[in-house]
C-alpha atoms as a PDB file:
ATOM      1  CA  MET A   1      -5.900   7.748 -18.055  1.00  0.00           C
ATOM      2  CA  ASN A   2      -3.684  10.795 -19.107  1.00  0.00           C
ATOM      3  CA  LYS A   3      -1.924  11.953 -21.938  1.00  0.00           C
ATOM      4  CA  MET A   4       2.041  11.954 -21.867  1.00  0.00           C
ATOM      5  CA  VAL A   5       3.880  15.203 -21.531  1.00  0.00           C
ATOM      6  CA  LYS A   6       7.391  15.706 -23.254  1.00  0.00           C
ATOM      7  CA  LEU A   7       9.535  12.855 -21.151  1.00  0.00           C
ATOM      8  CA  ASN A   8      12.776  11.504 -21.984  1.00  0.00           C
ATOM      9  CA  PRO A   9      12.615   7.570 -21.480  1.00  0.00           C
ATOM     10  CA  ASN A  10      16.270   7.511 -21.015  1.00  0.00           C
ATOM     11  CA  LYS A  11      15.837   9.262 -17.611  1.00  0.00           C
ATOM     12  CA  LEU A  12      13.050   6.782 -16.444  1.00  0.00           C
ATOM     13  CA  LYS A  13      13.047   3.482 -15.089  1.00  0.00           C
ATOM     14  CA  GLU A  14      11.526   0.645 -17.131  1.00  0.00           C
ATOM     15  CA  CYS A  15       8.623  -1.271 -15.185  1.00  0.00           C
ATOM     16  CA  LYS A  16       9.066  -4.900 -14.096  1.00  0.00           C
ATOM     17  CA  PHE A  17       6.121  -7.209 -14.695  1.00  0.00           C
ATOM     18  CA  TYR A  18       4.412  -6.273 -17.787  1.00  0.00           C
ATOM     19  CA  GLU A  19       3.982  -7.875 -21.133  1.00  0.00           C
ATOM     20  CA  LYS A  20       4.402  -6.211 -24.690  1.00  0.00           C
ATOM     21  CA  LEU A  21       1.306  -6.709 -27.001  1.00  0.00           C
ATOM     22  CA  GLU A  22       0.557  -5.692 -30.361  1.00  0.00           C
ATOM     23  CA  ASN A  23       0.141  -2.106 -32.021  1.00  0.00           C
ATOM     24  CA  SER A  24       2.506  -0.770 -29.122  1.00  0.00           C
ATOM     25  CA  LEU A  25       0.014  -1.637 -26.364  1.00  0.00           C
ATOM     26  CA  VAL A  26       1.526  -3.242 -23.091  1.00  0.00           C
ATOM     27  CA  ASN A  27      -0.347  -5.196 -20.394  1.00  0.00           C
ATOM     28  CA  CYS A  28       0.964  -4.039 -16.757  1.00  0.00           C
ATOM     29  CA  THR A  29       1.044  -7.221 -14.498  1.00  0.00           C
ATOM     30  CA  LEU A  30       1.943  -5.812 -11.422  1.00  0.00           C
ATOM     31  CA  CYS A  31      -1.493  -5.408  -9.844  1.00  0.00           C
ATOM     32  CA  PRO A  32      -4.904  -7.560 -10.168  1.00  0.00           C
ATOM     33  CA  HIS A  33      -6.204  -4.676 -12.571  1.00  0.00           C
ATOM     34  CA  ASN A  34      -3.775  -5.866 -15.279  1.00  0.00           C
ATOM     35  CA  CYS A  35      -4.350  -2.756 -17.334  1.00  0.00           C
ATOM     36  CA  ILE A  36      -4.147  -2.815 -20.946  1.00  0.00           C
ATOM     37  CA  ILE A  37      -2.362   0.754 -21.541  1.00  0.00           C
ATOM     38  CA  LYS A  38      -2.359   2.349 -25.097  1.00  0.00           C
ATOM     39  CA  GLU A  39       0.694   4.389 -26.050  1.00  0.00           C
ATOM     40  CA  ASN A  40       1.371   7.726 -24.306  1.00  0.00           C
ATOM     41  CA  ASN A  41      -1.003   6.757 -21.524  1.00  0.00           C
ATOM     42  CA  THR A  42      -0.544   5.311 -17.921  1.00  0.00           C
ATOM     43  CA  GLY A  43      -2.687   2.796 -15.926  1.00  0.00           C
ATOM     44  CA  ILE A  44      -5.490   3.419 -13.318  1.00  0.00           C
ATOM     45  CA  CYS A  45      -2.868   4.152 -10.870  1.00  0.00           C
ATOM     46  CA  ASN A  46      -1.500   6.813 -12.980  1.00  0.00           C
ATOM     47  CA  THR A  47       2.254   6.023 -12.316  1.00  0.00           C
ATOM     48  CA  ARG A  48       3.067   3.852 -15.088  1.00  0.00           C
ATOM     49  CA  ILE A  49       3.447   4.909 -18.828  1.00  0.00           C
ATOM     50  CA  ASN A  50       3.577   3.391 -22.167  1.00  0.00           C
ATOM     51  CA  ILE A  51       6.244   4.960 -24.206  1.00  0.00           C
ATOM     52  CA  LYS A  52       6.545   3.172 -27.555  1.00  0.00           C
ATOM     53  CA  GLY A  53       5.310  -0.164 -26.069  1.00  0.00           C
ATOM     54  CA  ILE A  54       7.486   0.117 -23.229  1.00  0.00           C
ATOM     55  CA  LEU A  55       6.198   0.673 -19.895  1.00  0.00           C
ATOM     56  CA  TYR A  56       8.064   3.044 -17.612  1.00  0.00           C
ATOM     57  CA  SER A  57       7.866   3.981 -13.894  1.00  0.00           C
ATOM     58  CA  LEU A  58       7.102   7.707 -13.265  1.00  0.00           C
ATOM     59  CA  THR A  59       7.650   7.387  -9.639  1.00  0.00           C
ATOM     60  CA  TYR A  60      11.188   5.754  -9.557  1.00  0.00           C
ATOM     61  CA  GLY A  61      13.478   8.009  -7.667  1.00  0.00           C
ATOM     62  CA  LYS A  62      10.843  10.635  -6.735  1.00  0.00           C
ATOM     63  CA  PRO A  63       9.545  10.377  -3.286  1.00  0.00           C
ATOM     64  CA  CYS A  64       7.348  13.181  -2.254  1.00  0.00           C
ATOM     65  CA  SER A  65       7.528  12.601   1.470  1.00  0.00           C
ATOM     66  CA  ILE A  66      10.546  11.011   3.583  1.00  0.00           C
ATOM     67  CA  SER A  67      10.358  11.302   7.456  1.00  0.00           C
ATOM     68  CA  VAL A  68      10.776   9.846  10.692  1.00  0.00           C
ATOM     69  CA  ASP A  69       7.918   8.071  12.399  1.00  0.00           C
ATOM     70  CA  PRO A  70       7.305   5.886  15.491  1.00  0.00           C
ATOM     71  CA  ILE A  71       6.778   2.475  13.998  1.00  0.00           C
ATOM     72  CA  GLU A  72       3.814   2.429  15.972  1.00  0.00           C
ATOM     73  CA  LYS A  73       2.195   5.148  13.452  1.00  0.00           C
ATOM     74  CA  LYS A  74       2.646   2.685  10.726  1.00  0.00           C
ATOM     75  CA  PRO A  75       0.760   0.971  12.550  1.00  0.00           C
ATOM     76  CA  LEU A  76       2.738  -1.987  13.758  1.00  0.00           C
ATOM     77  CA  PHE A  77       2.797  -2.671  17.318  1.00  0.00           C
ATOM     78  CA  ASN A  78       4.652  -5.921  17.590  1.00  0.00           C
ATOM     79  CA  PHE A  79       7.502  -5.630  15.250  1.00  0.00           C
ATOM     80  CA  HIS A  80      10.735  -3.435  17.085  1.00  0.00           C
ATOM     81  CA  SER A  81       8.174  -1.546  19.469  1.00  0.00           C
ATOM     82  CA  GLY A  82       9.557   1.505  20.372  1.00  0.00           C
ATOM     83  CA  LYS A  83      12.070   2.250  17.517  1.00  0.00           C
ATOM     84  CA  GLN A  84      11.737   5.257  14.988  1.00  0.00           C
ATOM     85  CA  ILE A  85      11.599   4.010  11.153  1.00  0.00           C
ATOM     86  CA  LEU A  86      12.429   6.360   8.017  1.00  0.00           C
ATOM     87  CA  SER A  87       9.116   6.522   5.982  1.00  0.00           C
ATOM     88  CA  ILE A  88       9.418   7.170   2.248  1.00  0.00           C
ATOM     89  CA  GLY A  89       6.190   7.546  -0.205  1.00  0.00           C
ATOM     90  CA  THR A  90       5.671   8.734  -3.418  1.00  0.00           C
ATOM     91  CA  ILE A  91       2.435   9.679  -5.540  1.00  0.00           C
ATOM     92  CA  GLY A  92      -0.264   7.437  -6.784  1.00  0.00           C
ATOM     93  CA  CYS A  93      -2.385   4.421  -6.000  1.00  0.00           C
ATOM     94  CA  ASN A  94      -4.070   1.441  -7.566  1.00  0.00           C
ATOM     95  CA  LEU A  95      -7.188   1.893  -5.811  1.00  0.00           C
ATOM     96  CA  LYS A  96      -9.617   4.702  -5.846  1.00  0.00           C
ATOM     97  CA  CYS A  97     -11.026   4.728  -2.323  1.00  0.00           C
ATOM     98  CA  LYS A  98     -13.871   7.335  -2.058  1.00  0.00           C
ATOM     99  CA  PHE A  99     -12.705   7.761   1.742  1.00  0.00           C
ATOM    100  CA  CYS A 100      -9.111   7.956   1.131  1.00  0.00           C
ATOM    101  CA  GLN A 101      -7.158   9.934   4.015  1.00  0.00           C
ATOM    102  CA  ASN A 102      -4.044  10.798   1.931  1.00  0.00           C
ATOM    103  CA  TYR A 103      -6.168  11.438  -1.485  1.00  0.00           C
ATOM    104  CA  ASP A 104      -4.105  14.383  -2.053  1.00  0.00           C
ATOM    105  CA  ILE A 105      -1.162  12.188  -3.090  1.00  0.00           C
ATOM    106  CA  SER A 106      -2.569   9.147  -3.519  1.00  0.00           C
ATOM    107  CA  GLN A 107      -5.133  10.348  -6.180  1.00  0.00           C
ATOM    108  CA  SER A 108      -2.859  12.615  -8.016  1.00  0.00           C
ATOM    109  CA  LYS A 109      -1.005  11.806 -11.348  1.00  0.00           C
ATOM    110  CA  ALA A 110       2.553  11.312 -11.089  1.00  0.00           C
ATOM    111  CA  ILE A 111       3.075  12.908 -14.309  1.00  0.00           C
ATOM    112  CA  ASP A 112       1.787  16.407 -12.985  1.00  0.00           C
ATOM    113  CA  PHE A 113       4.632  16.338 -10.710  1.00  0.00           C
ATOM    114  CA  ILE A 114       7.693  14.459 -12.116  1.00  0.00           C
ATOM    115  CA  GLU A 115       9.767  17.714 -12.889  1.00  0.00           C
ATOM    116  CA  LYS A 116       8.563  19.121  -9.508  1.00  0.00           C
ATOM    117  CA  ILE A 117      10.075  16.623  -6.987  1.00  0.00           C
ATOM    118  CA  GLU A 118      13.644  16.205  -6.472  1.00  0.00           C
ATOM    119  CA  THR A 119      14.991  12.948  -7.091  1.00  0.00           C
ATOM    120  CA  VAL A 120      16.698  10.444  -4.392  1.00  0.00           C
ATOM    121  CA  ALA A 121      17.876   7.634  -5.609  1.00  0.00           C
ATOM    122  CA  PRO A 122      18.074   4.113  -3.713  1.00  0.00           C
ATOM    123  CA  GLU A 123      21.594   4.792  -2.552  1.00  0.00           C
ATOM    124  CA  GLU A 124      20.707   8.035  -1.286  1.00  0.00           C
ATOM    125  CA  VAL A 125      17.457   6.710   0.741  1.00  0.00           C
ATOM    126  CA  ILE A 126      20.086   4.019   2.561  1.00  0.00           C
ATOM    127  CA  LYS A 127      22.420   6.942   3.218  1.00  0.00           C
ATOM    128  CA  ILE A 128      19.667   8.971   4.900  1.00  0.00           C
ATOM    129  CA  THR A 129      18.414   5.896   6.860  1.00  0.00           C
ATOM    130  CA  LYS A 130      22.445   5.331   8.083  1.00  0.00           C
ATOM    131  CA  GLU A 131      22.716   8.964   9.126  1.00  0.00           C
ATOM    132  CA  LYS A 132      19.853   9.098  11.066  1.00  0.00           C
ATOM    133  CA  ASN A 133      21.099   5.918  12.964  1.00  0.00           C
ATOM    134  CA  LEU A 134      18.223   4.090  11.782  1.00  0.00           C
ATOM    135  CA  ASN A 135      17.843   0.456  10.687  1.00  0.00           C
ATOM    136  CA  LEU A 136      14.173   0.621   9.520  1.00  0.00           C
ATOM    137  CA  ILE A 137      12.560   1.843   6.441  1.00  0.00           C
ATOM    138  CA  ALA A 138       8.674   1.660   5.606  1.00  0.00           C
ATOM    139  CA  PHE A 139       7.509   2.048   2.174  1.00  0.00           C
ATOM    140  CA  THR A 140       4.174   3.962   3.226  1.00  0.00           C
ATOM    141  CA  TYR A 141       1.889   7.501   2.576  1.00  0.00           C
ATOM    142  CA  ASN A 142       0.559   6.263  -0.492  1.00  0.00           C
ATOM    143  CA  GLU A 143       0.326   2.522  -2.175  1.00  0.00           C
ATOM    144  CA  PRO A 144       4.137   0.877  -2.328  1.00  0.00           C
ATOM    145  CA  THR A 145       2.840  -1.505  -5.136  1.00  0.00           C
ATOM    146  CA  VAL A 146       2.779   1.624  -7.550  1.00  0.00           C
ATOM    147  CA  PHE A 147       6.460   2.581  -6.943  1.00  0.00           C
ATOM    148  CA  TYR A 148       7.591  -1.181  -6.644  1.00  0.00           C
ATOM    149  CA  GLU A 149      10.738  -0.772  -9.056  1.00  0.00           C
ATOM    150  CA  TYR A 150      12.069   2.258  -6.633  1.00  0.00           C
ATOM    151  CA  MET A 151      10.682   0.307  -3.404  1.00  0.00           C
ATOM    152  CA  ILE A 152      12.586  -3.200  -4.428  1.00  0.00           C
ATOM    153  CA  ASP A 153      15.737  -1.563  -5.231  1.00  0.00           C
ATOM    154  CA  ILE A 154      15.826   0.348  -1.929  1.00  0.00           C
ATOM    155  CA  ALA A 155      14.670  -2.796   0.113  1.00  0.00           C
ATOM    156  CA  LYS A 156      17.667  -4.609  -1.717  1.00  0.00           C
ATOM    157  CA  LEU A 157      20.111  -2.316  -0.883  1.00  0.00           C
ATOM    158  CA  ALA A 158      18.624  -2.106   2.466  1.00  0.00           C
ATOM    159  CA  LYS A 159      19.119  -5.875   3.172  1.00  0.00           C
ATOM    160  CA  GLN A 160      22.707  -5.652   2.171  1.00  0.00           C
ATOM    161  CA  ASN A 161      23.176  -2.894   4.857  1.00  0.00           C
ATOM    162  CA  ASN A 162      21.374  -4.840   7.626  1.00  0.00           C
ATOM    163  CA  ILE A 163      18.174  -2.470   7.360  1.00  0.00           C
ATOM    164  CA  GLU A 164      15.129  -4.141   7.572  1.00  0.00           C
ATOM    165  CA  CYS A 165      12.273  -2.719   5.473  1.00  0.00           C
ATOM    166  CA  VAL A 166       8.554  -2.644   5.810  1.00  0.00           C
ATOM    167  CA  ILE A 167       5.427  -2.155   3.305  1.00  0.00           C
ATOM    168  CA  VAL A 168       2.035  -0.354   4.690  1.00  0.00           C
ATOM    169  CA  SER A 169      -0.020  -1.680   1.510  1.00  0.00           C
ATOM    170  CA  ASN A 170      -3.787  -2.107   0.562  1.00  0.00           C
ATOM    171  CA  GLY A 171      -2.355  -5.517  -0.582  1.00  0.00           C
ATOM    172  CA  PHE A 172      -3.881  -5.195  -4.114  1.00  0.00           C
ATOM    173  CA  ILE A 173      -0.728  -6.649  -5.649  1.00  0.00           C
ATOM    174  CA  ASN A 174      -0.254  -9.792  -7.894  1.00  0.00           C
ATOM    175  CA  PRO A 175       1.168 -12.938  -6.702  1.00  0.00           C
ATOM    176  CA  GLU A 176       4.630 -13.143  -8.410  1.00  0.00           C
ATOM    177  CA  PRO A 177       5.806  -9.665  -7.783  1.00  0.00           C
ATOM    178  CA  LEU A 178       4.774  -9.899  -4.269  1.00  0.00           C
ATOM    179  CA  LYS A 179       6.693 -12.988  -3.933  1.00  0.00           C
ATOM    180  CA  GLU A 180       9.768 -11.551  -5.206  1.00  0.00           C
ATOM    181  CA  LEU A 181       9.186  -8.528  -2.656  1.00  0.00           C
ATOM    182  CA  CYS A 182       8.862 -11.048   0.210  1.00  0.00           C
ATOM    183  CA  LYS A 183      12.369 -11.617  -0.229  1.00  0.00           C
ATOM    184  CA  TYR A 184      13.345  -8.319   1.157  1.00  0.00           C
ATOM    185  CA  ILE A 185      10.694  -7.044   3.435  1.00  0.00           C
ATOM    186  CA  SER A 186      10.616  -8.418   7.253  1.00  0.00           C
ATOM    187  CA  ALA A 187       6.669  -6.924   8.254  1.00  0.00           C
ATOM    188  CA  ALA A 188       3.481  -5.808   6.223  1.00  0.00           C
ATOM    189  CA  ASN A 189       0.477  -3.914   7.528  1.00  0.00           C
ATOM    190  CA  ILE A 190      -2.155  -4.659   5.223  1.00  0.00           C
ATOM    191  CA  ASP A 191      -5.550  -2.578   4.900  1.00  0.00           C
ATOM    192  CA  LEU A 192      -8.125  -4.851   4.753  1.00  0.00           C
ATOM    193  CA  LYS A 193     -10.837  -2.316   3.969  1.00  0.00           C
ATOM    194  CA  SER A 194     -13.848  -4.676   4.355  1.00  0.00           C
ATOM    195  CA  PHE A 195     -14.854  -8.071   3.873  1.00  0.00           C
ATOM    196  CA  ASN A 196     -17.684  -7.468   1.389  1.00  0.00           C
ATOM    197  CA  LYS A 197     -17.062  -7.868  -2.245  1.00  0.00           C
ATOM    198  CA  ASP A 198     -19.598  -4.865  -3.194  1.00  0.00           C
ATOM    199  CA  PHE A 199     -18.025  -2.431  -0.773  1.00  0.00           C
ATOM    200  CA  TYR A 200     -14.569  -3.412  -2.871  1.00  0.00           C
ATOM    201  CA  LYS A 201     -16.075  -2.729  -5.999  1.00  0.00           C
ATOM    202  CA  LYS A 202     -18.159   0.185  -5.540  1.00  0.00           C
ATOM    203  CA  ILE A 203     -16.329   2.159  -2.720  1.00  0.00           C
ATOM    204  CA  CYS A 204     -12.511   0.959  -3.741  1.00  0.00           C
ATOM    205  CA  SER A 205     -12.745  -0.026  -7.310  1.00  0.00           C
ATOM    206  CA  ALA A 206     -10.862  -3.063  -6.620  1.00  0.00           C
ATOM    207  CA  LYS A 207     -11.602  -6.683  -5.565  1.00  0.00           C
ATOM    208  CA  LEU A 208     -11.721  -8.294  -2.077  1.00  0.00           C
ATOM    209  CA  GLU A 209     -10.054 -12.049  -3.121  1.00  0.00           C
ATOM    210  CA  PRO A 210      -6.685 -10.571  -4.312  1.00  0.00           C
ATOM    211  CA  VAL A 211      -6.004  -8.706  -1.060  1.00  0.00           C
ATOM    212  CA  LEU A 212      -6.738 -11.906   1.114  1.00  0.00           C
ATOM    213  CA  GLU A 213      -4.531 -13.912  -1.573  1.00  0.00           C
ATOM    214  CA  SER A 214      -1.685 -11.588  -0.573  1.00  0.00           C
ATOM    215  CA  LEU A 215      -2.107 -11.858   3.015  1.00  0.00           C
ATOM    216  CA  LYS A 216      -1.672 -15.832   2.743  1.00  0.00           C
ATOM    217  CA  ILE A 217       1.499 -15.141   0.425  1.00  0.00           C
ATOM    218  CA  LEU A 218       3.172 -12.979   3.207  1.00  0.00           C
ATOM    219  CA  LYS A 219       2.241 -15.572   5.921  1.00  0.00           C
ATOM    220  CA  GLU A 220       3.587 -18.599   3.681  1.00  0.00           C
ATOM    221  CA  ASN A 221       7.015 -16.122   3.363  1.00  0.00           C
ATOM    222  CA  ASN A 222       7.054 -15.475   7.022  1.00  0.00           C
ATOM    223  CA  VAL A 223       6.469 -11.885   6.746  1.00  0.00           C
ATOM    224  CA  HIS A 224       5.253 -10.538   9.937  1.00  0.00           C
ATOM    225  CA  ILE A 225       1.549  -9.224   9.155  1.00  0.00           C
ATOM    226  CA  GLU A 226      -0.494  -7.037  11.104  1.00  0.00           C
ATOM    227  CA  VAL A 227      -3.926  -6.055   9.488  1.00  0.00           C
ATOM    228  CA  THR A 228      -5.728  -2.637   9.735  1.00  0.00           C
ATOM    229  CA  ASN A 229      -9.680  -2.092   9.142  1.00  0.00           C
ATOM    230  CA  LEU A 230     -10.734   1.376   8.628  1.00  0.00           C
ATOM    231  CA  ILE A 231     -14.124   1.826  10.228  1.00  0.00           C
ATOM    232  CA  LEU A 232     -16.687   4.125   8.066  1.00  0.00           C
ATOM    233  CA  GLU A 233     -20.192   4.795   9.775  1.00  0.00           C
ATOM    234  CA  SER A 234     -22.982   3.060   7.832  1.00  0.00           C
ATOM    235  CA  LYS A 235     -20.327   2.023   5.051  1.00  0.00           C
ATOM    236  CA  ASN A 236     -18.500  -0.942   6.692  1.00  0.00           C
ATOM    237  CA  ASN A 237     -19.354  -0.975  10.326  1.00  0.00           C
ATOM    238  CA  SER A 238     -21.443  -3.788  10.434  1.00  0.00           C
ATOM    239  CA  LEU A 239     -20.396  -6.059  13.402  1.00  0.00           C
ATOM    240  CA  GLU A 240     -21.141  -9.391  11.601  1.00  0.00           C
ATOM    241  CA  GLU A 241     -18.813  -8.424   8.646  1.00  0.00           C
ATOM    242  CA  ILE A 242     -16.306  -7.313  10.980  1.00  0.00           C
ATOM    243  CA  GLU A 243     -16.696 -10.220  13.104  1.00  0.00           C
ATOM    244  CA  LYS A 244     -16.041 -12.361   9.593  1.00  0.00           C
ATOM    245  CA  ILE A 245     -12.993 -10.569   9.145  1.00  0.00           C
ATOM    246  CA  ALA A 246     -11.341 -11.425  12.650  1.00  0.00           C
ATOM    247  CA  ILE A 247     -12.616 -15.293  11.912  1.00  0.00           C
ATOM    248  CA  TRP A 248     -10.962 -15.217   8.468  1.00  0.00           C
ATOM    249  CA  ILE A 249      -7.529 -13.780  10.131  1.00  0.00           C
ATOM    250  CA  LYS A 250      -7.702 -16.408  12.942  1.00  0.00           C
ATOM    251  CA  GLU A 251      -8.165 -19.289  10.390  1.00  0.00           C
ATOM    252  CA  ASN A 252      -5.333 -17.938   7.967  1.00  0.00           C
ATOM    253  CA  LEU A 253      -3.263 -15.963   9.477  1.00  0.00           C
ATOM    254  CA  GLY A 254      -3.351 -17.299  13.557  1.00  0.00           C
ATOM    255  CA  GLU A 255      -4.984 -15.750  16.248  1.00  0.00           C
ATOM    256  CA  GLU A 256      -2.098 -13.924  17.929  1.00  0.00           C
ATOM    257  CA  THR A 257      -2.117 -11.685  14.326  1.00  0.00           C
ATOM    258  CA  ILE A 258      -2.627  -7.943  15.464  1.00  0.00           C
ATOM    259  CA  LEU A 259      -5.860  -6.410  13.954  1.00  0.00           C
ATOM    260  CA  HIS A 260      -6.068  -2.567  14.367  1.00  0.00           C
ATOM    261  CA  LEU A 261      -9.494  -1.028  14.308  1.00  0.00           C
ATOM    262  CA  SER A 262      -9.314   2.364  13.109  1.00  0.00           C
ATOM    263  CA  ARG A 263     -11.289   5.452  13.170  1.00  0.00           C
ATOM    264  CA  ALA A 264     -12.492   7.292  10.141  1.00  0.00           C
ATOM    265  CA  PHE A 265     -13.174  10.798   9.383  1.00  0.00           C
ATOM    266  CA  PRO A 266     -15.326  12.572   6.422  1.00  0.00           C
ATOM    267  CA  MET A 267     -12.637  12.929   3.713  1.00  0.00           C
ATOM    268  CA  TYR A 268     -12.283  13.149  -0.028  1.00  0.00           C
ATOM    269  CA  LYS A 269     -15.477  11.706  -1.762  1.00  0.00           C
ATOM    270  CA  MET A 270     -17.265  10.837   1.487  1.00  0.00           C
ATOM    271  CA  GLN A 271     -17.807  14.190   3.232  1.00  0.00           C
ATOM    272  CA  ASP A 272     -21.362  13.157   4.091  1.00  0.00           C
ATOM    273  CA  ILE A 273     -20.166  10.301   6.847  1.00  0.00           C
ATOM    274  CA  ILE A 274     -19.715  11.242  10.377  1.00  0.00           C
ATOM    275  CA  PRO A 275     -16.526  10.591  12.309  1.00  0.00           C
ATOM    276  CA  THR A 276     -16.980   6.698  13.260  1.00  0.00           C
ATOM    277  CA  PRO A 277     -18.203   7.051  17.167  1.00  0.00           C
ATOM    278  CA  ILE A 278     -16.113   5.477  19.602  1.00  0.00           C
ATOM    279  CA  SER A 279     -18.886   3.113  20.637  1.00  0.00           C
ATOM    280  CA  THR A 280     -18.519   1.496  17.451  1.00  0.00           C
ATOM    281  CA  LEU A 281     -14.932   0.935  17.777  1.00  0.00           C
ATOM    282  CA  TYR A 282     -15.457  -0.474  21.023  1.00  0.00           C
ATOM    283  CA  SER A 283     -18.331  -3.001  20.001  1.00  0.00           C
ATOM    284  CA  ALA A 284     -15.979  -4.169  17.025  1.00  0.00           C
ATOM    285  CA  GLN A 285     -13.268  -4.840  19.822  1.00  0.00           C
ATOM    286  CA  GLU A 286     -15.199  -6.724  21.803  1.00  0.00           C
ATOM    287  CA  VAL A 287     -16.685  -8.884  18.831  1.00  0.00           C
ATOM    288  CA  CYS A 288     -13.146  -9.455  17.486  1.00  0.00           C
ATOM    289  CA  LYS A 289     -11.911 -10.354  20.635  1.00  0.00           C
ATOM    290  CA  ARG A 290     -13.957 -13.527  20.672  1.00  0.00           C
ATOM    291  CA  HIS A 291     -11.594 -14.707  17.953  1.00  0.00           C
ATOM    292  CA  LEU A 292      -8.189 -12.815  17.872  1.00  0.00           C
ATOM    293  CA  SER A 293      -5.857 -12.054  21.084  1.00  0.00           C
ATOM    294  CA  ASN A 294      -4.550  -8.674  19.875  1.00  0.00           C
ATOM    295  CA  VAL A 295      -7.076  -6.191  18.691  1.00  0.00           C
ATOM    296  CA  PHE A 296      -6.666  -2.587  18.886  1.00  0.00           C
ATOM    297  CA  ILE A 297      -8.408   0.733  18.248  1.00  0.00           C
ATOM    298  CA  GLY A 298      -6.701   3.455  16.628  1.00  0.00           C
ATOM    299  CA  ASN A 299      -6.872   6.794  14.989  1.00  0.00           C
ATOM    300  CA  VAL A 300      -8.800   8.217  18.041  1.00  0.00           C
END
C-alpha cells in the first residue's frame, strides 16, 4: 500500500468493478485479490486508489509506452500474421512475480509517475493508430487488467473504427470484467506461469485457478487464444508439470491452440537462476507436442 499525494479527483477516472463499504473502505472486485482498500491507499496493483470512499484509476490516459511492434512479438503467431500492431502499456501489475522481465514498470507505483507521464486520451490512441496506417492495438508491456478502464474505453472506440484489439495478460482477472472485455477484444496471449499452485502462491503472489477460469471464459467468448509458459530453470521446468499444461490446454482450449515455451533470464528478484538451457526448451517442446499441434520456442 502507498500513501496518497495531493490529487484532484476531478482529474481522475472512477474505477469500474468495486463496492463501497463502511468507514470509507472499498472492495475492488476487478481481480481475484479482491482488495479491501483503506482511504488514501491503493490495492496490491498500486494503480487504483481510494479517495473518500471512491475508487479511482491512477493510470487512466497515462501510457508509459506506445510503440509499433510485429504482432509475432506479443507473441501471437496465428492472428494476423505478418502485420504490425500498436502496443500500449502503463505502470503496475496485480502479480508480484519474482522473475518479472518488465519489473521496472510492472512493480512501480503509479502515483509516483502520474504527474510525469503525458496524458493520451483514448481518442488520441485511435488517432495515432490510424496515422500509422494500422488496424490493430495491443494492451501489453504491463498487466492490462490494472488499466482496465483505459483499455476498455480504447477498445470500444477501436471497435467503432474497425480496429481490432488484443491483450497480453497474466489472466488474473475476475469473470465479470473479463466477460465485459471479451465484447471488445479479438485475441489474447495469456501467460500461464506454471501448473503448480505453490509456484503461483510463493513466486507470483497469486493463484492458479482464476487464470485457468479466464482461459475458459476467453474460449467460450470466441476470443483467439495463445498461451505462453516462461520456463525458469529449477523453478517450473519439470517436464511432468509442463506436460500437464499441454494436456489441460488440449482438453479445455483445443489441440490446435498455440503454446509458446519461452526462455527466461536472471531478472528482478531471481538473479540466482541461470538462463533457461536451450536443451530444456527442446525437451519441453517434444513433450508438449504429444498433445498439441502448435508448440513454439521463444526468447532465444
